[in-house]
Amino acid sequence: MRPYAEEYLAHLHIDIDSDYRGKGLGRKLIEALKEQLKKENVKGFMLCAARTNDHAIGFYKKLGFERIGEDKQEYIFGMNL
């Protein structure tokens, strides 16, 4: 993720227990982070998802993240603010 650190200053890791998925918690967490980062004048943030995690990949794309990189095990997504 280092090559992207200058443009995407914040790195998000999100993991919601399976009993609570699908209830909008992930979206709320990401939206709250976005708003706070905007207040702090951070221009972008990023996260990773395992290549095999189709649910997370679809979720992040739906929220507006774009794939900015990859390695053997995961995709790196970024969002400009």
N, C-alpha and C. Protein backbone atom coordinates (compact mmCIF):
# COMPACT_ATOMS: atom_id res chain seq x y z
N MET A 1 0.81 -1.19 0.00
CA MET A 1 0.00 0.00 0.00
C MET A 1 0.86 1.26 0.00
N ARG A 2 2.13 1.11 0.28
CA ARG A 2 3.02 2.28 0.35
C ARG A 2 3.00 3.16 -0.90
N PRO A 3 2.94 2.58 -2.09
CA PRO A 3 2.96 3.45 -3.27
C PRO A 3 1.78 4.43 -3.33
N TYR A 4 0.74 4.14 -2.58
CA TYR A 4 -0.47 4.96 -2.63
C TYR A 4 -0.62 5.87 -1.41
N ALA A 5 0.27 5.75 -0.47
CA ALA A 5 0.13 6.45 0.82
C ALA A 5 0.14 7.96 0.70
N GLU A 6 0.84 8.50 -0.28
CA GLU A 6 0.88 9.96 -0.41
C GLU A 6 -0.47 10.53 -0.85
N GLU A 7 -1.13 9.84 -1.74
CA GLU A 7 -2.43 10.31 -2.24
C GLU A 7 -3.57 9.91 -1.31
N TYR A 8 -3.47 8.74 -0.70
CA TYR A 8 -4.52 8.22 0.17
C TYR A 8 -3.95 8.13 1.59
N LEU A 9 -4.06 9.22 2.33
CA LEU A 9 -3.39 9.35 3.61
C LEU A 9 -3.95 8.45 4.71
N ALA A 10 -5.20 8.07 4.61
CA ALA A 10 -5.83 7.24 5.64
C ALA A 10 -6.04 5.83 5.10
N HIS A 11 -5.91 4.86 5.98
CA HIS A 11 -6.10 3.46 5.62
C HIS A 11 -7.17 2.89 6.54
N LEU A 12 -8.19 2.32 5.95
CA LEU A 12 -9.32 1.78 6.69
C LEU A 12 -9.25 0.26 6.73
N HIS A 13 -9.51 -0.30 7.88
CA HIS A 13 -9.72 -1.74 8.01
C HIS A 13 -11.09 -1.90 8.67
N ILE A 14 -11.97 -2.63 8.03
CA ILE A 14 -13.31 -2.82 8.56
C ILE A 14 -13.62 -4.31 8.58
N ASP A 15 -14.16 -4.78 9.68
CA ASP A 15 -14.52 -6.19 9.82
C ASP A 15 -15.75 -6.25 10.72
N ILE A 16 -16.88 -6.58 10.15
CA ILE A 16 -18.13 -6.64 10.91
C ILE A 16 -18.52 -8.10 11.10
N ASP A 17 -18.84 -8.45 12.32
CA ASP A 17 -19.25 -9.80 12.65
C ASP A 17 -20.39 -10.23 11.74
N SER A 18 -20.35 -11.48 11.32
CA SER A 18 -21.35 -11.98 10.36
C SER A 18 -22.78 -11.83 10.86
N ASP A 19 -23.01 -11.84 12.17
CA ASP A 19 -24.35 -11.66 12.71
C ASP A 19 -24.90 -10.25 12.47
N TYR A 20 -24.02 -9.31 12.17
CA TYR A 20 -24.43 -7.91 12.01
C TYR A 20 -24.26 -7.39 10.59
N ARG A 21 -23.82 -8.23 9.68
CA ARG A 21 -23.67 -7.80 8.29
C ARG A 21 -25.04 -7.63 7.65
N GLY A 22 -25.09 -6.73 6.69
CA GLY A 22 -26.33 -6.49 5.97
C GLY A 22 -27.29 -5.56 6.68
N LYS A 23 -26.83 -4.92 7.73
CA LYS A 23 -27.68 -4.01 8.51
C LYS A 23 -27.29 -2.54 8.33
N GLY A 24 -26.36 -2.29 7.41
CA GLY A 24 -25.97 -0.91 7.13
C GLY A 24 -24.85 -0.37 8.01
N LEU A 25 -24.29 -1.20 8.87
CA LEU A 25 -23.25 -0.72 9.79
C LEU A 25 -21.96 -0.36 9.05
N GLY A 26 -21.56 -1.17 8.09
CA GLY A 26 -20.34 -0.87 7.33
C GLY A 26 -20.47 0.43 6.58
N ARG A 27 -21.60 0.64 5.95
CA ARG A 27 -21.84 1.90 5.22
C ARG A 27 -21.79 3.08 6.18
N LYS A 28 -22.42 2.95 7.33
CA LYS A 28 -22.42 4.05 8.32
C LYS A 28 -21.01 4.35 8.81
N LEU A 29 -20.22 3.32 9.06
CA LEU A 29 -18.85 3.52 9.51
C LEU A 29 -18.02 4.26 8.44
N ILE A 30 -18.15 3.82 7.21
CA ILE A 30 -17.39 4.44 6.13
C ILE A 30 -17.85 5.88 5.90
N GLU A 31 -19.14 6.12 5.94
CA GLU A 31 -19.64 7.49 5.75
C GLU A 31 -19.18 8.41 6.87
N ALA A 32 -19.18 7.91 8.11
CA ALA A 32 -18.70 8.72 9.24
C ALA A 32 -17.22 9.04 9.08
N LEU A 33 -16.44 8.05 8.66
CA LEU A 33 -15.01 8.28 8.43
C LEU A 33 -14.80 9.30 7.31
N LYS A 34 -15.54 9.16 6.22
CA LYS A 34 -15.43 10.10 5.11
C LYS A 34 -15.67 11.53 5.57
N GLU A 35 -16.71 11.73 6.33
CA GLU A 35 -17.04 13.09 6.79
C GLU A 35 -15.95 13.65 7.68
N GLN A 36 -15.42 12.81 8.57
CA GLN A 36 -14.35 13.28 9.46
C GLN A 36 -13.08 13.59 8.67
N LEU A 37 -12.73 12.74 7.73
CA LEU A 37 -11.54 12.98 6.93
C LEU A 37 -11.68 14.26 6.10
N LYS A 38 -12.87 14.52 5.58
CA LYS A 38 -13.10 15.76 4.83
C LYS A 38 -12.88 16.97 5.73
N LYS A 39 -13.37 16.91 6.97
CA LYS A 39 -13.18 18.01 7.92
C LYS A 39 -11.70 18.24 8.20
N GLU A 40 -10.93 17.17 8.16
CA GLU A 40 -9.49 17.25 8.43
C GLU A 40 -8.68 17.55 7.16
N ASN A 41 -9.39 17.78 6.06
CA ASN A 41 -8.77 18.08 4.76
C ASN A 41 -7.90 16.95 4.22
N VAL A 42 -8.25 15.72 4.57
CA VAL A 42 -7.59 14.55 3.99
C VAL A 42 -8.22 14.34 2.62
N LYS A 43 -7.40 14.16 1.62
CA LYS A 43 -7.89 14.12 0.24
C LYS A 43 -8.29 12.73 -0.25
N GLY A 44 -7.97 11.68 0.51
CA GLY A 44 -8.35 10.35 0.08
C GLY A 44 -8.01 9.30 1.12
N PHE A 45 -8.65 8.14 0.99
CA PHE A 45 -8.34 7.02 1.88
C PHE A 45 -8.44 5.71 1.11
N MET A 46 -7.86 4.67 1.69
CA MET A 46 -7.77 3.40 0.98
C MET A 46 -8.02 2.23 1.93
N LEU A 47 -8.23 1.07 1.32
CA LEU A 47 -8.42 -0.17 2.06
C LEU A 47 -8.08 -1.33 1.16
N CYS A 48 -7.98 -2.50 1.73
CA CYS A 48 -7.68 -3.72 0.98
C CYS A 48 -8.81 -4.72 1.15
N ALA A 49 -8.96 -5.56 0.17
CA ALA A 49 -9.92 -6.68 0.25
C ALA A 49 -9.27 -7.89 -0.39
N ALA A 50 -9.45 -9.03 0.25
CA ALA A 50 -8.93 -10.27 -0.31
C ALA A 50 -9.54 -10.50 -1.68
N ARG A 51 -8.74 -10.98 -2.60
CA ARG A 51 -9.23 -11.25 -3.97
C ARG A 51 -10.42 -12.20 -3.98
N THR A 52 -10.51 -13.04 -2.96
CA THR A 52 -11.59 -14.04 -2.89
C THR A 52 -12.84 -13.52 -2.20
N ASN A 53 -12.80 -12.29 -1.69
CA ASN A 53 -13.93 -11.75 -0.93
C ASN A 53 -14.85 -10.93 -1.86
N ASP A 54 -15.61 -11.65 -2.67
CA ASP A 54 -16.48 -11.00 -3.65
C ASP A 54 -17.49 -10.06 -3.01
N HIS A 55 -17.99 -10.42 -1.84
CA HIS A 55 -18.97 -9.57 -1.16
C HIS A 55 -18.36 -8.21 -0.81
N ALA A 56 -17.18 -8.22 -0.21
CA ALA A 56 -16.53 -6.97 0.17
C ALA A 56 -16.16 -6.15 -1.07
N ILE A 57 -15.66 -6.79 -2.09
CA ILE A 57 -15.28 -6.09 -3.31
C ILE A 57 -16.48 -5.37 -3.90
N GLY A 58 -17.60 -6.07 -4.00
CA GLY A 58 -18.82 -5.44 -4.51
C GLY A 58 -19.30 -4.30 -3.63
N PHE A 59 -19.21 -4.49 -2.33
CA PHE A 59 -19.62 -3.46 -1.37
C PHE A 59 -18.79 -2.20 -1.54
N TYR A 60 -17.48 -2.36 -1.60
CA TYR A 60 -16.61 -1.18 -1.73
C TYR A 60 -16.82 -0.46 -3.05
N LYS A 61 -17.00 -1.21 -4.12
CA LYS A 61 -17.27 -0.59 -5.42
C LYS A 61 -18.59 0.17 -5.38
N LYS A 62 -19.59 -0.41 -4.75
CA LYS A 62 -20.90 0.23 -4.64
C LYS A 62 -20.81 1.57 -3.89
N LEU A 63 -19.89 1.64 -2.93
CA LEU A 63 -19.72 2.87 -2.15
C LEU A 63 -18.86 3.91 -2.86
N GLY A 64 -18.29 3.54 -4.00
CA GLY A 64 -17.51 4.51 -4.77
C GLY A 64 -16.01 4.34 -4.74
N PHE A 65 -15.53 3.28 -4.11
CA PHE A 65 -14.09 3.00 -4.12
C PHE A 65 -13.70 2.50 -5.50
N GLU A 66 -12.48 2.84 -5.90
CA GLU A 66 -11.94 2.36 -7.16
C GLU A 66 -10.71 1.51 -6.88
N ARG A 67 -10.54 0.47 -7.67
CA ARG A 67 -9.36 -0.38 -7.49
C ARG A 67 -8.14 0.38 -7.99
N ILE A 68 -7.14 0.54 -7.13
CA ILE A 68 -5.95 1.30 -7.48
C ILE A 68 -4.70 0.43 -7.52
N GLY A 69 -4.80 -0.81 -7.07
CA GLY A 69 -3.64 -1.69 -7.09
C GLY A 69 -4.03 -3.09 -6.67
N GLU A 70 -3.04 -3.96 -6.67
CA GLU A 70 -3.27 -5.34 -6.28
C GLU A 70 -1.95 -6.02 -6.00
N ASP A 71 -2.03 -7.12 -5.28
CA ASP A 71 -0.90 -8.01 -5.13
C ASP A 71 -1.44 -9.43 -5.27
N LYS A 72 -0.68 -10.43 -4.89
CA LYS A 72 -1.10 -11.81 -5.10
C LYS A 72 -2.35 -12.20 -4.31
N GLN A 73 -2.58 -11.54 -3.16
CA GLN A 73 -3.67 -11.94 -2.28
C GLN A 73 -4.83 -10.96 -2.19
N GLU A 74 -4.60 -9.70 -2.53
CA GLU A 74 -5.66 -8.71 -2.30
C GLU A 74 -5.66 -7.60 -3.34
N TYR A 75 -6.80 -6.93 -3.38
CA TYR A 75 -6.95 -5.72 -4.18
C TYR A 75 -6.88 -4.52 -3.25
N ILE A 76 -6.34 -3.44 -3.75
CA ILE A 76 -6.27 -2.19 -2.99
C ILE A 76 -7.26 -1.23 -3.63
N PHE A 77 -8.12 -0.66 -2.80
CA PHE A 77 -9.13 0.28 -3.25
C PHE A 77 -8.86 1.64 -2.65
N GLY A 78 -9.14 2.68 -3.41
CA GLY A 78 -8.98 4.03 -2.91
C GLY A 78 -10.19 4.88 -3.23
N MET A 79 -10.36 5.92 -2.44
CA MET A 79 -11.44 6.88 -2.67
C MET A 79 -10.89 8.29 -2.46
N ASN A 80 -11.07 9.12 -3.47
CA ASN A 80 -10.71 10.53 -3.32
C ASN A 80 -11.86 11.28 -2.69
N LEU A 81 -11.52 12.23 -1.85
CA LEU A 81 -12.56 13.01 -1.16
C LEU A 81 -12.63 14.42 -1.70
